[in-house]
Amino acid sequence: MEMPLKQIFETEPYGCQQVFL
């Protein structure tokens, strides 16, 4: 995923979990 964390958070609510996990 070469997208900014901000973009992921706004597009995928669960994106944060995948990033941390």
PDB file of N, CA and C in Angstrom:
ATOM      1  N   MET A   1       0.846  -1.203   0.000  1.00  0.00           N
ATOM      2  CA  MET A   1       0.000   0.000   0.000  1.00  0.00           C
ATOM      3  C   MET A   1       0.877   1.248   0.000  1.00  0.00           C
ATOM      4  N   GLU A   2       0.960   1.925  -1.118  1.00  0.00           N
ATOM      5  CA  GLU A   2       1.791   3.131  -1.181  1.00  0.00           C
ATOM      6  C   GLU A   2       0.927   4.376  -1.056  1.00  0.00           C
ATOM      7  N   MET A   3      -0.143   4.267  -0.250  1.00  0.00           N
ATOM      8  CA  MET A   3      -1.016   5.434  -0.077  1.00  0.00           C
ATOM      9  C   MET A   3      -0.782   6.025   1.311  1.00  0.00           C
ATOM     10  N   PRO A   4      -0.973   7.319   1.461  1.00  0.00           N
ATOM     11  CA  PRO A   4      -0.797   7.979   2.768  1.00  0.00           C
ATOM     12  C   PRO A   4      -1.734   7.371   3.802  1.00  0.00           C
ATOM     13  N   LEU A   5      -1.287   7.311   5.034  1.00  0.00           N
ATOM     14  CA  LEU A   5      -2.131   6.747   6.095  1.00  0.00           C
ATOM     15  C   LEU A   5      -3.464   7.489   6.133  1.00  0.00           C
ATOM     16  N   LYS A   6      -3.418   8.798   5.934  1.00  0.00           N
ATOM     17  CA  LYS A   6      -4.652   9.595   5.983  1.00  0.00           C
ATOM     18  C   LYS A   6      -5.650   9.061   4.956  1.00  0.00           C
ATOM     19  N   GLN A   7      -5.159   8.772   3.754  1.00  0.00           N
ATOM     20  CA  GLN A   7      -6.042   8.282   2.697  1.00  0.00           C
ATOM     21  C   GLN A   7      -6.652   6.944   3.117  1.00  0.00           C
ATOM     22  N   ILE A   8      -5.824   6.065   3.658  1.00  0.00           N
ATOM     23  CA  ILE A   8      -6.312   4.732   4.060  1.00  0.00           C
ATOM     24  C   ILE A   8      -7.389   4.873   5.125  1.00  0.00           C
ATOM     25  N   PHE A   9      -7.137   5.734   6.126  1.00  0.00           N
ATOM     26  CA  PHE A   9      -8.116   5.885   7.215  1.00  0.00           C
ATOM     27  C   PHE A   9      -9.455   6.359   6.671  1.00  0.00           C
ATOM     28  N   GLU A  10      -9.403   7.264   5.691  1.00  0.00           N
ATOM     29  CA  GLU A  10     -10.668   7.800   5.156  1.00  0.00           C
ATOM     30  C   GLU A  10     -11.330   6.806   4.220  1.00  0.00           C
ATOM     31  N   THR A  11     -10.509   5.978   3.532  1.00  0.00           N
ATOM     32  CA  THR A  11     -11.103   5.031   2.583  1.00  0.00           C
ATOM     33  C   THR A  11     -11.459   3.722   3.279  1.00  0.00           C
ATOM     34  N   GLU A  12     -10.556   3.226   4.144  1.00  0.00           N
ATOM     35  CA  GLU A  12     -10.835   1.958   4.829  1.00  0.00           C
ATOM     36  C   GLU A  12     -10.756   2.140   6.344  1.00  0.00           C
ATOM     37  N   PRO A  13     -11.884   2.043   7.027  1.00  0.00           N
ATOM     38  CA  PRO A  13     -11.905   2.169   8.496  1.00  0.00           C
ATOM     39  C   PRO A  13     -11.028   1.091   9.131  1.00  0.00           C
ATOM     40  N   TYR A  14     -10.936  -0.076   8.481  1.00  0.00           N
ATOM     41  CA  TYR A  14     -10.153  -1.175   9.050  1.00  0.00           C
ATOM     42  C   TYR A  14      -8.714  -1.133   8.574  1.00  0.00           C
ATOM     43  N   GLY A  15      -8.394  -0.168   7.724  1.00  0.00           N
ATOM     44  CA  GLY A  15      -7.024  -0.059   7.209  1.00  0.00           C
ATOM     45  C   GLY A  15      -6.030   0.106   8.357  1.00  0.00           C
ATOM     46  N   CYS A  16      -6.440   0.850   9.391  1.00  0.00           N
ATOM     47  CA  CYS A  16      -5.521   1.092  10.505  1.00  0.00           C
ATOM     48  C   CYS A  16      -5.112  -0.234  11.137  1.00  0.00           C
ATOM     49  N   GLN A  17      -6.067  -1.158  11.293  1.00  0.00           N
ATOM     50  CA  GLN A  17      -5.738  -2.452  11.915  1.00  0.00           C
ATOM     51  C   GLN A  17      -4.720  -3.197  11.064  1.00  0.00           C
ATOM     52  N   GLN A  18      -4.902  -3.192   9.740  1.00  0.00           N
ATOM     53  CA  GLN A  18      -3.967  -3.913   8.873  1.00  0.00           C
ATOM     54  C   GLN A  18      -2.577  -3.288   8.976  1.00  0.00           C
ATOM     55  N   VAL A  19      -2.508  -1.970   9.058  1.00  0.00           N
ATOM     56  CA  VAL A  19      -1.208  -1.300   9.133  1.00  0.00           C
ATOM     57  C   VAL A  19      -0.507  -1.674  10.437  1.00  0.00           C
ATOM     58  N   PHE A  20      -1.241  -1.633  11.552  1.00  0.00           N
ATOM     59  CA  PHE A  20      -0.631  -1.935  12.851  1.00  0.00           C
ATOM     60  C   PHE A  20      -0.313  -3.417  12.969  1.00  0.00           C
ATOM     61  N   LEU A  21      -1.176  -4.248  12.377  1.00  0.00           N
ATOM     62  CA  LEU A  21      -0.954  -5.699  12.494  1.00  0.00           C
ATOM     63  C   LEU A  21       0.083  -6.119  11.464  1.00  0.00           C
TER      64      LEU A  21
END
